[in-house]
PDB file of N, CA and C in Angstrom:
ATOM      1  N   MET A   1      -4.084 -11.981  93.352  1.00  0.00           N
ATOM      2  CA  MET A   1      -3.298 -12.673  94.349  1.00  0.00           C
ATOM      3  C   MET A   1      -4.116 -13.837  94.922  1.00  0.00           C
ATOM      4  N   ILE A   2      -3.496 -14.974  95.043  1.00  0.00           N
ATOM      5  CA  ILE A   2      -4.158 -16.169  95.566  1.00  0.00           C
ATOM      6  C   ILE A   2      -4.285 -16.058  97.080  1.00  0.00           C
ATOM      7  N   GLU A   3      -5.457 -16.464  97.595  1.00  0.00           N
ATOM      8  CA  GLU A   3      -5.723 -16.379  99.032  1.00  0.00           C
ATOM      9  C   GLU A   3      -6.110 -17.743  99.591  1.00  0.00           C
ATOM     10  N   ILE A   4      -5.931 -17.905 100.888  1.00  0.00           N
ATOM     11  CA  ILE A   4      -6.360 -19.119 101.578  1.00  0.00           C
ATOM     12  C   ILE A   4      -7.875 -19.254 101.427  1.00  0.00           C
ATOM     13  N   GLY A   5      -8.323 -20.473 101.135  1.00  0.00           N
ATOM     14  CA  GLY A   5      -9.745 -20.732 100.950  1.00  0.00           C
ATOM     15  C   GLY A   5     -10.184 -20.702  99.496  1.00  0.00           C
ATOM     16  N   GLU A   6      -9.335 -20.170  98.609  1.00  0.00           N
ATOM     17  CA  GLU A   6      -9.656 -20.178  97.187  1.00  0.00           C
ATOM     18  C   GLU A   6      -9.395 -21.567  96.617  1.00  0.00           C
ATOM     19  N   TYR A   7      -9.957 -21.789  95.444  1.00  0.00           N
ATOM     20  CA  TYR A   7      -9.709 -23.019  94.707  1.00  0.00           C
ATOM     21  C   TYR A   7      -8.694 -22.719  93.614  1.00  0.00           C
ATOM     22  N   VAL A   8      -7.860 -23.724  93.310  1.00  0.00           N
ATOM     23  CA  VAL A   8      -6.859 -23.566  92.263  1.00  0.00           C
ATOM     24  C   VAL A   8      -6.939 -24.743  91.299  1.00  0.00           C
ATOM     25  N   ARG A   9      -6.521 -24.484  90.072  1.00  0.00           N
ATOM     26  CA  ARG A   9      -6.454 -25.528  89.041  1.00  0.00           C
ATOM     27  C   ARG A   9      -4.991 -25.714  88.677  1.00  0.00           C
ATOM     28  N   ILE A  10      -4.517 -26.948  88.780  1.00  0.00           N
ATOM     29  CA  ILE A  10      -3.155 -27.291  88.419  1.00  0.00           C
ATOM     30  C   ILE A  10      -3.220 -28.150  87.168  1.00  0.00           C
ATOM     31  N   ASP A  11      -2.708 -27.624  86.043  1.00  0.00           N
ATOM     32  CA  ASP A  11      -2.758 -28.317  84.756  1.00  0.00           C
ATOM     33  C   ASP A  11      -1.435 -28.981  84.406  1.00  0.00           C
ATOM     34  N   ASN A  12      -0.350 -28.566  85.084  1.00  0.00           N
ATOM     35  CA  ASN A  12       0.967 -29.060  84.718  1.00  0.00           C
ATOM     36  C   ASN A  12       1.807 -29.233  85.979  1.00  0.00           C
ATOM     37  N   ASP A  13       2.193 -30.472  86.261  1.00  0.00           N
ATOM     38  CA  ASP A  13       3.041 -30.749  87.420  1.00  0.00           C
ATOM     39  C   ASP A  13       3.742 -32.071  87.165  1.00  0.00           C
ATOM     40  N   PHE A  14       4.981 -32.183  87.621  1.00  0.00           N
ATOM     41  CA  PHE A  14       5.726 -33.420  87.393  1.00  0.00           C
ATOM     42  C   PHE A  14       5.134 -34.587  88.177  1.00  0.00           C
ATOM     43  N   ARG A  15       4.381 -34.302  89.225  1.00  0.00           N
ATOM     44  CA  ARG A  15       3.686 -35.352  89.970  1.00  0.00           C
ATOM     45  C   ARG A  15       2.302 -35.484  89.350  1.00  0.00           C
ATOM     46  N   LEU A  16       2.135 -36.432  88.495  1.00  0.00           N
ATOM     47  CA  LEU A  16       0.878 -36.559  87.759  1.00  0.00           C
ATOM     48  C   LEU A  16      -0.320 -36.677  88.687  1.00  0.00           C
ATOM     49  N   ILE A  17      -0.107 -37.229  89.872  1.00  0.00           N
ATOM     50  CA  ILE A  17      -1.199 -37.382  90.833  1.00  0.00           C
ATOM     51  C   ILE A  17      -1.674 -36.028  91.358  1.00  0.00           C
ATOM     52  N   ALA A  18      -0.855 -34.997  91.187  1.00  0.00           N
ATOM     53  CA  ALA A  18      -1.179 -33.672  91.721  1.00  0.00           C
ATOM     54  C   ALA A  18      -1.936 -32.799  90.732  1.00  0.00           C
ATOM     55  N   LEU A  19      -2.258 -33.312  89.550  1.00  0.00           N
ATOM     56  CA  LEU A  19      -3.046 -32.527  88.606  1.00  0.00           C
ATOM     57  C   LEU A  19      -4.484 -32.440  89.097  1.00  0.00           C
ATOM     58  N   GLY A  20      -5.158 -31.350  88.784  1.00  0.00           N
ATOM     59  CA  GLY A  20      -6.568 -31.226  89.123  1.00  0.00           C
ATOM     60  C   GLY A  20      -6.895 -29.934  89.846  1.00  0.00           C
ATOM     61  N   ILE A  21      -7.954 -30.007  90.651  1.00  0.00           N
ATOM     62  CA  ILE A  21      -8.457 -28.844  91.373  1.00  0.00           C
ATOM     63  C   ILE A  21      -8.414 -29.132  92.862  1.00  0.00           C
ATOM     64  N   GLY A  22      -8.021 -28.136  93.636  1.00  0.00           N
ATOM     65  CA  GLY A  22      -7.974 -28.279  95.088  1.00  0.00           C
ATOM     66  C   GLY A  22      -8.169 -26.944  95.767  1.00  0.00           C
ATOM     67  N   GLU A  23      -8.174 -26.978  97.097  1.00  0.00           N
ATOM     68  CA  GLU A  23      -8.397 -25.771  97.888  1.00  0.00           C
ATOM     69  C   GLU A  23      -7.103 -25.351  98.589  1.00  0.00           C
ATOM     70  N   VAL A  24      -6.789 -24.063  98.524  1.00  0.00           N
ATOM     71  CA  VAL A  24      -5.588 -23.529  99.164  1.00  0.00           C
ATOM     72  C   VAL A  24      -5.807 -23.506 100.678  1.00  0.00           C
ATOM     73  N   ILE A  25      -4.894 -24.155 101.399  1.00  0.00           N
ATOM     74  CA  ILE A  25      -5.016 -24.178 102.866  1.00  0.00           C
ATOM     75  C   ILE A  25      -3.895 -23.413 103.572  1.00  0.00           C
ATOM     76  N   ARG A  26      -2.798 -23.126 102.834  1.00  0.00           N
ATOM     77  CA  ARG A  26      -1.697 -22.371 103.433  1.00  0.00           C
ATOM     78  C   ARG A  26      -0.858 -21.745 102.331  1.00  0.00           C
ATOM     79  N   ILE A  27      -0.296 -20.573 102.624  1.00  0.00           N
ATOM     80  CA  ILE A  27       0.591 -19.879 101.689  1.00  0.00           C
ATOM     81  C   ILE A  27       1.853 -19.501 102.430  1.00  0.00           C
ATOM     82  N   ASN A  28       3.011 -19.802 101.808  1.00  0.00           N
ATOM     83  CA  ASN A  28       4.297 -19.486 102.414  1.00  0.00           C
ATOM     84  C   ASN A  28       5.188 -18.899 101.331  1.00  0.00           C
ATOM     85  N   GLN A  29       5.317 -17.591 101.280  1.00  0.00           N
ATOM     86  CA  GLN A  29       6.077 -16.864 100.266  1.00  0.00           C
ATOM     87  C   GLN A  29       5.614 -17.248  98.858  1.00  0.00           C
ATOM     88  N   ASP A  30       6.443 -17.978  98.091  1.00  0.00           N
ATOM     89  CA  ASP A  30       6.075 -18.321  96.720  1.00  0.00           C
ATOM     90  C   ASP A  30       5.536 -19.745  96.606  1.00  0.00           C
ATOM     91  N   THR A  31       5.210 -20.374  97.730  1.00  0.00           N
ATOM     92  CA  THR A  31       4.684 -21.731  97.755  1.00  0.00           C
ATOM     93  C   THR A  31       3.290 -21.733  98.347  1.00  0.00           C
ATOM     94  N   ILE A  32       2.399 -22.482  97.721  1.00  0.00           N
ATOM     95  CA  ILE A  32       1.062 -22.645  98.284  1.00  0.00           C
ATOM     96  C   ILE A  32       0.841 -24.120  98.587  1.00  0.00           C
ATOM     97  N   TYR A  33       0.015 -24.395  99.566  1.00  0.00           N
ATOM     98  CA  TYR A  33      -0.308 -25.756  99.962  1.00  0.00           C
ATOM     99  C   TYR A  33      -1.781 -25.989  99.642  1.00  0.00           C
ATOM    100  N   VAL A  34      -2.006 -27.039  98.865  1.00  0.00           N
ATOM    101  CA  VAL A  34      -3.337 -27.297  98.323  1.00  0.00           C
ATOM    102  C   VAL A  34      -3.849 -28.635  98.824  1.00  0.00           C
ATOM    103  N   LYS A  35      -5.068 -28.625  99.351  1.00  0.00           N
ATOM    104  CA  LYS A  35      -5.748 -29.849  99.780  1.00  0.00           C
ATOM    105  C   LYS A  35      -6.526 -30.374  98.591  1.00  0.00           C
ATOM    106  N   MET A  36      -6.150 -31.584  98.193  1.00  0.00           N
ATOM    107  CA  MET A  36      -6.832 -32.223  97.082  1.00  0.00           C
ATOM    108  C   MET A  36      -7.596 -33.418  97.659  1.00  0.00           C
ATOM    109  N   ASN A  37      -7.682 -34.505  96.957  1.00  0.00           N
ATOM    110  CA  ASN A  37      -8.409 -35.670  97.454  1.00  0.00           C
ATOM    111  C   ASN A  37      -7.511 -36.636  98.221  1.00  0.00           C
ATOM    112  N   PHE A  38      -6.530 -36.129  98.914  1.00  0.00           N
ATOM    113  CA  PHE A  38      -5.586 -36.961  99.635  1.00  0.00           C
ATOM    114  C   PHE A  38      -5.470 -36.478 101.074  1.00  0.00           C
ATOM    115  N   GLU A  39      -4.888 -37.322 101.902  1.00  0.00           N
ATOM    116  CA  GLU A  39      -4.723 -37.010 103.324  1.00  0.00           C
ATOM    117  C   GLU A  39      -3.886 -35.746 103.540  1.00  0.00           C
ATOM    118  N   LEU A  40      -2.726 -35.697 102.883  1.00  0.00           N
ATOM    119  CA  LEU A  40      -1.811 -34.576 103.073  1.00  0.00           C
ATOM    120  C   LEU A  40      -1.902 -33.588 101.908  1.00  0.00           C
ATOM    121  N   PRO A  41      -1.680 -32.318 102.174  1.00  0.00           N
ATOM    122  CA  PRO A  41      -1.721 -31.328 101.091  1.00  0.00           C
ATOM    123  C   PRO A  41      -0.476 -31.418 100.214  1.00  0.00           C
ATOM    124  N   PHE A  42      -0.600 -30.917  98.983  1.00  0.00           N
ATOM    125  CA  PHE A  42       0.524 -30.821  98.054  1.00  0.00           C
ATOM    126  C   PHE A  42       1.049 -29.398  98.083  1.00  0.00           C
ATOM    127  N   ALA A  43       2.376 -29.248  97.967  1.00  0.00           N
ATOM    128  CA  ALA A  43       2.995 -27.933  97.864  1.00  0.00           C
ATOM    129  C   ALA A  43       3.263 -27.633  96.394  1.00  0.00           C
ATOM    130  N   PHE A  44       2.944 -26.406  95.976  1.00  0.00           N
ATOM    131  CA  PHE A  44       3.153 -25.968  94.604  1.00  0.00           C
ATOM    132  C   PHE A  44       3.798 -24.595  94.605  1.00  0.00           C
ATOM    133  N   LYS A  45       4.612 -24.354  93.597  1.00  0.00           N
ATOM    134  CA  LYS A  45       5.079 -23.000  93.339  1.00  0.00           C
ATOM    135  C   LYS A  45       3.904 -22.238  92.724  1.00  0.00           C
ATOM    136  N   ILE A  46       3.772 -20.988  93.060  1.00  0.00           N
ATOM    137  CA  ILE A  46       2.646 -20.190  92.582  1.00  0.00           C
ATOM    138  C   ILE A  46       2.581 -20.169  91.053  1.00  0.00           C
ATOM    139  N   GLU A  47       3.727 -20.210  90.388  1.00  0.00           N
ATOM    140  CA  GLU A  47       3.712 -20.173  88.924  1.00  0.00           C
ATOM    141  C   GLU A  47       3.124 -21.442  88.296  1.00  0.00           C
ATOM    142  N   ASN A  48       2.933 -22.516  89.066  1.00  0.00           N
ATOM    143  CA  ASN A  48       2.319 -23.741  88.551  1.00  0.00           C
ATOM    144  C   ASN A  48       0.789 -23.687  88.562  1.00  0.00           C
ATOM    145  N   ILE A  49       0.230 -22.637  89.110  1.00  0.00           N
ATOM    146  CA  ILE A  49      -1.220 -22.512  89.195  1.00  0.00           C
ATOM    147  C   ILE A  49      -1.749 -21.951  87.880  1.00  0.00           C
ATOM    148  N   ALA A  50      -2.625 -22.713  87.218  1.00  0.00           N
ATOM    149  CA  ALA A  50      -3.188 -22.277  85.942  1.00  0.00           C
ATOM    150  C   ALA A  50      -4.269 -21.215  86.154  1.00  0.00           C
ATOM    151  N   LYS A  51      -5.135 -21.436  87.148  1.00  0.00           N
ATOM    152  CA  LYS A  51      -6.245 -20.525  87.457  1.00  0.00           C
ATOM    153  C   LYS A  51      -6.529 -20.599  88.948  1.00  0.00           C
ATOM    154  N   HIS A  52      -7.142 -19.548  89.459  1.00  0.00           N
ATOM    155  CA  HIS A  52      -7.619 -19.578  90.846  1.00  0.00           C
ATOM    156  C   HIS A  52      -8.893 -18.751  90.952  1.00  0.00           C
ATOM    157  N   SER A  53      -9.747 -19.142  91.904  1.00  0.00           N
ATOM    158  CA  SER A  53     -11.010 -18.428  92.089  1.00  0.00           C
ATOM    159  C   SER A  53     -11.633 -18.826  93.415  1.00  0.00           C
ATOM    160  N   LYS A  54     -12.442 -17.946  93.938  1.00  0.00           N
ATOM    161  CA  LYS A  54     -13.228 -18.276  95.133  1.00  0.00           C
ATOM    162  C   LYS A  54     -14.402 -19.179  94.781  1.00  0.00           C
ATOM    163  N   ASN A  55     -14.793 -19.173  93.501  1.00  0.00           N
ATOM    164  CA  ASN A  55     -15.912 -19.992  93.029  1.00  0.00           C
ATOM    165  C   ASN A  55     -15.384 -21.174  92.230  1.00  0.00           C
ATOM    166  N   LEU A  56     -15.657 -22.358  92.717  1.00  0.00           N
ATOM    167  CA  LEU A  56     -15.193 -23.590  92.093  1.00  0.00           C
ATOM    168  C   LEU A  56     -15.600 -23.692  90.626  1.00  0.00           C
ATOM    169  N   ILE A  57     -16.796 -23.270  90.306  1.00  0.00           N
ATOM    170  CA  ILE A  57     -17.303 -23.384  88.931  1.00  0.00           C
ATOM    171  C   ILE A  57     -16.471 -22.570  87.941  1.00  0.00           C
ATOM    172  N   ASP A  58     -15.792 -21.526  88.402  1.00  0.00           N
ATOM    173  CA  ASP A  58     -14.954 -20.710  87.521  1.00  0.00           C
ATOM    174  C   ASP A  58     -13.751 -21.481  86.979  1.00  0.00           C
ATOM    175  N   LEU A  59     -13.379 -22.573  87.626  1.00  0.00           N
ATOM    176  CA  LEU A  59     -12.198 -23.337  87.225  1.00  0.00           C
ATOM    177  C   LEU A  59     -12.516 -24.451  86.235  1.00  0.00           C
ATOM    178  N   ILE A  60     -13.786 -24.704  86.008  1.00  0.00           N
ATOM    179  CA  ILE A  60     -14.188 -25.771  85.098  1.00  0.00           C
ATOM    180  C   ILE A  60     -14.001 -25.303  83.650  1.00  0.00           C
ATOM    181  N   GLU A  61     -13.481 -26.209  82.821  1.00  0.00           N
ATOM    182  CA  GLU A  61     -13.248 -25.915  81.410  1.00  0.00           C
ATOM    183  C   GLU A  61     -13.964 -26.937  80.544  1.00  0.00           C
ATOM    184  N   VAL A  62     -14.211 -26.562  79.303  1.00  0.00           N
ATOM    185  CA  VAL A  62     -14.763 -27.515  78.334  1.00  0.00           C
ATOM    186  C   VAL A  62     -13.792 -28.685  78.246  1.00  0.00           C
ATOM    187  N   GLY A  63     -14.326 -29.896  78.296  1.00  0.00           N
ATOM    188  CA  GLY A  63     -13.505 -31.100  78.259  1.00  0.00           C
ATOM    189  C   GLY A  63     -13.349 -31.745  79.624  1.00  0.00           C
ATOM    190  N   ASP A  64     -13.640 -31.011  80.688  1.00  0.00           N
ATOM    191  CA  ASP A  64     -13.616 -31.594  82.034  1.00  0.00           C
ATOM    192  C   ASP A  64     -14.837 -32.492  82.210  1.00  0.00           C
ATOM    193  N   ILE A  65     -14.796 -33.315  83.216  1.00  0.00           N
ATOM    194  CA  ILE A  65     -15.922 -34.191  83.529  1.00  0.00           C
ATOM    195  C   ILE A  65     -16.449 -33.789  84.906  1.00  0.00           C
ATOM    196  N   VAL A  66     -17.701 -33.345  84.951  1.00  0.00           N
ATOM    197  CA  VAL A  66     -18.326 -32.902  86.189  1.00  0.00           C
ATOM    198  C   VAL A  66     -19.516 -33.811  86.481  1.00  0.00           C
ATOM    199  N   ASN A  67     -19.554 -34.352  87.685  1.00  0.00           N
ATOM    200  CA  ASN A  67     -20.629 -35.283  88.078  1.00  0.00           C
ATOM    201  C   ASN A  67     -20.806 -36.389  87.031  1.00  0.00           C
ATOM    202  N   ASN A  68     -19.697 -36.912  86.541  1.00  0.00           N
ATOM    203  CA  ASN A  68     -19.667 -38.008  85.560  1.00  0.00           C
ATOM    204  C   ASN A  68     -20.202 -37.622  84.184  1.00  0.00           C
ATOM    205  N   GLY A  69     -20.277 -36.334  83.880  1.00  0.00           N
ATOM    206  CA  GLY A  69     -20.727 -35.888  82.564  1.00  0.00           C
ATOM    207  C   GLY A  69     -19.688 -34.978  81.924  1.00  0.00           C
ATOM    208  N   TYR A  70     -19.394 -35.220  80.658  1.00  0.00           N
ATOM    209  CA  TYR A  70     -18.429 -34.440  79.891  1.00  0.00           C
ATOM    210  C   TYR A  70     -18.970 -33.030  79.646  1.00  0.00           C
ATOM    211  N   ILE A  71     -18.203 -32.016  79.988  1.00  0.00           N
ATOM    212  CA  ILE A  71     -18.622 -30.618  79.809  1.00  0.00           C
ATOM    213  C   ILE A  71     -18.285 -30.154  78.392  1.00  0.00           C
ATOM    214  N   TYR A  72     -19.303 -29.708  77.670  1.00  0.00           N
ATOM    215  CA  TYR A  72     -19.067 -29.233  76.304  1.00  0.00           C
ATOM    216  C   TYR A  72     -19.451 -27.774  76.106  1.00  0.00           C
ATOM    217  N   GLU A  73     -20.028 -27.146  77.125  1.00  0.00           N
ATOM    218  CA  GLU A  73     -20.435 -25.750  76.974  1.00  0.00           C
ATOM    219  C   GLU A  73     -20.436 -25.076  78.343  1.00  0.00           C
ATOM    220  N   ILE A  74     -19.995 -23.821  78.374  1.00  0.00           N
ATOM    221  CA  ILE A  74     -19.970 -23.018  79.597  1.00  0.00           C
ATOM    222  C   ILE A  74     -20.550 -21.659  79.273  1.00  0.00           C
ATOM    223  N   GLY A  75     -21.354 -21.109  80.172  1.00  0.00           N
ATOM    224  CA  GLY A  75     -21.942 -19.802  79.914  1.00  0.00           C
ATOM    225  C   GLY A  75     -22.402 -19.127  81.185  1.00  0.00           C
ATOM    226  N   ASN A  76     -23.087 -18.012  81.020  1.00  0.00           N
ATOM    227  CA  ASN A  76     -23.620 -17.226  82.129  1.00  0.00           C
ATOM    228  C   ASN A  76     -25.085 -16.908  81.872  1.00  0.00           C
ATOM    229  N   THR A  77     -25.875 -16.890  82.946  1.00  0.00           N
ATOM    230  CA  THR A  77     -27.259 -16.481  82.825  1.00  0.00           C
ATOM    231  C   THR A  77     -27.303 -14.965  82.665  1.00  0.00           C
ATOM    232  N   GLU A  78     -28.456 -14.434  82.342  1.00  0.00           N
ATOM    233  CA  GLU A  78     -28.605 -12.980  82.183  1.00  0.00           C
ATOM    234  C   GLU A  78     -28.300 -12.236  83.473  1.00  0.00           C
ATOM    235  N   ASP A  79     -28.545 -12.891  84.625  1.00  0.00           N
ATOM    236  CA  ASP A  79     -28.265 -12.226  85.900  1.00  0.00           C
ATOM    237  C   ASP A  79     -26.887 -12.576  86.462  1.00  0.00           C
ATOM    238  N   GLY A  80     -25.989 -13.154  85.621  1.00  0.00           N
ATOM    239  CA  GLY A  80     -24.593 -13.320  85.995  1.00  0.00           C
ATOM    240  C   GLY A  80     -24.193 -14.645  86.620  1.00  0.00           C
ATOM    241  N   TYR A  81     -25.075 -15.608  86.737  1.00  0.00           N
ATOM    242  CA  TYR A  81     -24.702 -16.901  87.311  1.00  0.00           C
ATOM    243  C   TYR A  81     -24.056 -17.769  86.238  1.00  0.00           C
ATOM    244  N   LYS A  82     -22.914 -18.347  86.586  1.00  0.00           N
ATOM    245  CA  LYS A  82     -22.209 -19.209  85.642  1.00  0.00           C
ATOM    246  C   LYS A  82     -22.831 -20.596  85.651  1.00  0.00           C
ATOM    247  N   TRP A  83     -22.866 -21.237  84.467  1.00  0.00           N
ATOM    248  CA  TRP A  83     -23.382 -22.595  84.347  1.00  0.00           C
ATOM    249  C   TRP A  83     -22.482 -23.397  83.427  1.00  0.00           C
ATOM    250  N   VAL A  84     -22.544 -24.724  83.585  1.00  0.00           N
ATOM    251  CA  VAL A  84     -21.850 -25.642  82.687  1.00  0.00           C
ATOM    252  C   VAL A  84     -22.870 -26.651  82.186  1.00  0.00           C
ATOM    253  N   HIS A  85     -22.716 -27.095  80.955  1.00  0.00           N
ATOM    254  CA  HIS A  85     -23.675 -27.999  80.322  1.00  0.00           C
ATOM    255  C   HIS A  85     -22.926 -29.276  79.951  1.00  0.00           C
ATOM    256  N   ASN A  86     -23.475 -30.439  80.365  1.00  0.00           N
ATOM    257  CA  ASN A  86     -22.793 -31.681  80.030  1.00  0.00           C
ATOM    258  C   ASN A  86     -23.563 -32.485  78.998  1.00  0.00           C
ATOM    259  N   LEU A  87     -22.927 -33.516  78.492  1.00  0.00           N
ATOM    260  CA  LEU A  87     -23.524 -34.320  77.424  1.00  0.00           C
ATOM    261  C   LEU A  87     -24.719 -35.136  77.890  1.00  0.00           C
ATOM    262  N   ASN A  88     -24.914 -35.245  79.195  1.00  0.00           N
ATOM    263  CA  ASN A  88     -26.098 -35.929  79.727  1.00  0.00           C
ATOM    264  C   ASN A  88     -27.324 -35.029  79.655  1.00  0.00           C
ATOM    265  N   GLY A  89     -27.152 -33.826  79.137  1.00  0.00           N
ATOM    266  CA  GLY A  89     -28.272 -32.897  79.001  1.00  0.00           C
ATOM    267  C   GLY A  89     -28.533 -32.070  80.235  1.00  0.00           C
ATOM    268  N   LEU A  90     -27.631 -32.117  81.206  1.00  0.00           N
ATOM    269  CA  LEU A  90     -27.836 -31.381  82.456  1.00  0.00           C
ATOM    270  C   LEU A  90     -27.151 -30.025  82.418  1.00  0.00           C
ATOM    271  N   LEU A  91     -27.855 -29.020  82.872  1.00  0.00           N
ATOM    272  CA  LEU A  91     -27.314 -27.685  83.051  1.00  0.00           C
ATOM    273  C   LEU A  91     -26.961 -27.578  84.533  1.00  0.00           C
ATOM    274  N   LEU A  92     -25.681 -27.407  84.856  1.00  0.00           N
ATOM    275  CA  LEU A  92     -25.223 -27.415  86.244  1.00  0.00           C
ATOM    276  C   LEU A  92     -24.802 -26.026  86.698  1.00  0.00           C
ATOM    277  N   PHE A  93     -25.184 -25.689  87.923  1.00  0.00           N
ATOM    278  CA  PHE A  93     -24.754 -24.451  88.559  1.00  0.00           C
ATOM    279  C   PHE A  93     -23.814 -24.808  89.717  1.00  0.00           C
ATOM    280  N   LYS A  94     -23.243 -23.800  90.369  1.00  0.00           N
ATOM    281  CA  LYS A  94     -22.267 -24.009  91.443  1.00  0.00           C
ATOM    282  C   LYS A  94     -22.757 -24.998  92.488  1.00  0.00           C
ATOM    283  N   LYS A  95     -23.996 -24.889  92.887  1.00  0.00           N
ATOM    284  CA  LYS A  95     -24.535 -25.740  93.952  1.00  0.00           C
ATOM    285  C   LYS A  95     -24.670 -27.204  93.538  1.00  0.00           C
ATOM    286  N   ASP A  96     -24.663 -27.483  92.232  1.00  0.00           N
ATOM    287  CA  ASP A  96     -24.858 -28.830  91.713  1.00  0.00           C
ATOM    288  C   ASP A  96     -23.567 -29.646  91.615  1.00  0.00           C
ATOM    289  N   ILE A  97     -22.413 -28.998  91.736  1.00  0.00           N
ATOM    290  CA  ILE A  97     -21.132 -29.668  91.517  1.00  0.00           C
ATOM    291  C   ILE A  97     -20.796 -30.581  92.689  1.00  0.00           C
ATOM    292  N   LYS A  98     -20.566 -31.846  92.370  1.00  0.00           N
ATOM    293  CA  LYS A  98     -20.184 -32.841  93.375  1.00  0.00           C
ATOM    294  C   LYS A  98     -18.782 -33.369  93.113  1.00  0.00           C
ATOM    295  N   THR A  99     -18.457 -33.652  91.838  1.00  0.00           N
ATOM    296  CA  THR A  99     -17.135 -34.163  91.481  1.00  0.00           C
ATOM    297  C   THR A  99     -16.654 -33.487  90.202  1.00  0.00           C
ATOM    298  N   ILE A 100     -15.319 -33.320  90.116  1.00  0.00           N
ATOM    299  CA  ILE A 100     -14.687 -32.755  88.925  1.00  0.00           C
ATOM    300  C   ILE A 100     -13.462 -33.599  88.601  1.00  0.00           C
ATOM    301  N   LEU A 101     -13.386 -34.030  87.359  1.00  0.00           N
ATOM    302  CA  LEU A 101     -12.190 -34.678  86.834  1.00  0.00           C
ATOM    303  C   LEU A 101     -11.723 -33.789  85.694  1.00  0.00           C
ATOM    304  N   THR A 102     -10.559 -33.137  85.867  1.00  0.00           N
ATOM    305  CA  THR A 102     -10.098 -32.233  84.811  1.00  0.00           C
ATOM    306  C   THR A 102      -9.643 -33.038  83.605  1.00  0.00           C
ATOM    307  N   LYS A 103      -9.659 -32.387  82.457  1.00  0.00           N
ATOM    308  CA  LYS A 103      -9.236 -33.070  81.237  1.00  0.00           C
ATOM    309  C   LYS A 103      -7.777 -33.500  81.322  1.00  0.00           C
ATOM    310  N   GLU A 104      -6.956 -32.757  82.066  1.00  0.00           N
ATOM    311  CA  GLU A 104      -5.551 -33.127  82.240  1.00  0.00           C
ATOM    312  C   GLU A 104      -5.431 -34.395  83.079  1.00  0.00           C
ATOM    313  N   GLN A 105      -6.237 -34.506  84.137  1.00  0.00           N
ATOM    314  CA  GLN A 105      -6.242 -35.724  84.944  1.00  0.00           C
ATOM    315  C   GLN A 105      -6.660 -36.915  84.096  1.00  0.00           C
ATOM    316  N   TYR A 106      -7.690 -36.733  83.310  1.00  0.00           N
ATOM    317  CA  TYR A 106      -8.198 -37.803  82.464  1.00  0.00           C
ATOM    318  C   TYR A 106      -7.120 -38.269  81.481  1.00  0.00           C
ATOM    319  N   LYS A 107      -6.475 -37.323  80.814  1.00  0.00           N
ATOM    320  CA  LYS A 107      -5.459 -37.667  79.813  1.00  0.00           C
ATOM    321  C   LYS A 107      -4.283 -38.412  80.433  1.00  0.00           C
ATOM    322  N   GLN A 108      -3.874 -37.997  81.633  1.00  0.00           N
ATOM    323  CA  GLN A 108      -2.721 -38.623  82.275  1.00  0.00           C
ATOM    324  C   GLN A 108      -3.035 -40.015  82.834  1.00  0.00           C
ATOM    325  N   ASN A 109      -4.291 -40.285  83.115  1.00  0.00           N
ATOM    326  CA  ASN A 109      -4.647 -41.554  83.745  1.00  0.00           C
ATOM    327  C   ASN A 109      -5.437 -42.487  82.840  1.00  0.00           C
ATOM    328  N   CYS A 110      -5.616 -42.114  81.618  1.00  0.00           N
ATOM    329  CA  CYS A 110      -6.413 -42.905  80.683  1.00  0.00           C
ATOM    330  C   CYS A 110      -5.530 -43.937  79.994  1.00  0.00           C
ATOM    331  N   TYR A 111      -5.954 -45.168  79.995  1.00  0.00           N
ATOM    332  CA  TYR A 111      -5.253 -46.225  79.278  1.00  0.00           C
ATOM    333  C   TYR A 111      -5.916 -46.385  77.917  1.00  0.00           C
ATOM    334  N   THR A 112      -5.121 -46.314  76.875  1.00  0.00           N
ATOM    335  CA  THR A 112      -5.643 -46.450  75.525  1.00  0.00           C
ATOM    336  C   THR A 112      -5.382 -47.869  75.030  1.00  0.00           C
ATOM    337  N   VAL A 113      -6.415 -48.524  74.610  1.00  0.00           N
ATOM    338  CA  VAL A 113      -6.302 -49.887  74.106  1.00  0.00           C
ATOM    339  C   VAL A 113      -6.006 -49.827  72.613  1.00  0.00           C
ATOM    340  N   GLU A 114      -4.934 -50.455  72.227  1.00  0.00           N
ATOM    341  CA  GLU A 114      -4.592 -50.539  70.804  1.00  0.00           C
ATOM    342  C   GLU A 114      -5.022 -51.906  70.325  1.00  0.00           C
ATOM    343  N   ARG A 115      -5.853 -51.926  69.336  1.00  0.00           N
ATOM    344  CA  ARG A 115      -6.383 -53.197  68.831  1.00  0.00           C
ATOM    345  C   ARG A 115      -5.717 -53.536  67.495  1.00  0.00           C
ATOM    346  N   LYS A 116      -5.358 -54.807  67.375  1.00  0.00           N
ATOM    347  CA  LYS A 116      -4.813 -55.301  66.116  1.00  0.00           C
ATOM    348  C   LYS A 116      -5.952 -55.947  65.349  1.00  0.00           C
ATOM    349  N   GLU A 117      -5.906 -55.810  64.065  1.00  0.00           N
ATOM    350  CA  GLU A 117      -6.953 -56.413  63.254  1.00  0.00           C
ATOM    351  C   GLU A 117      -6.947 -57.919  63.417  1.00  0.00           C
ATOM    352  N   GLU A 118      -8.118 -58.469  63.614  1.00  0.00           N
ATOM    353  CA  GLU A 118      -8.233 -59.911  63.758  1.00  0.00           C
ATOM    354  C   GLU A 118      -8.655 -60.500  62.420  1.00  0.00           C
ATOM    355  N   CYS A 119      -8.154 -61.678  62.111  1.00  0.00           N
ATOM    356  CA  CYS A 119      -8.518 -62.358  60.852  1.00  0.00           C
ATOM    357  C   CYS A 119      -9.813 -63.111  61.014  1.00  0.00           C
TER     358      CYS A 119
END
């Protein structure tokens, strides 16, 4: 069950701006209110939540971008601490996370340049 103060990952929403990770600030029956990087919270139906956790690092997936580095590996230490490894060669733990751009956010906001062959 999702609780206030947990983090949630939204992978699919008709409001493309609402994709990503945020913190639950209010719950009202089957609707949750999530604080993201905006002034006002977004309302979501509980079934739109892909994952939830009290630990932000649990929501990171391979392909996300954390602290401007592409995540290609996720694992756990022998004593149970979760880590993520990015292409910059950094091994990141929960305390190291400053920014997260989910792969869904990236895909929805990425402009692809189509180049025509030049003579």
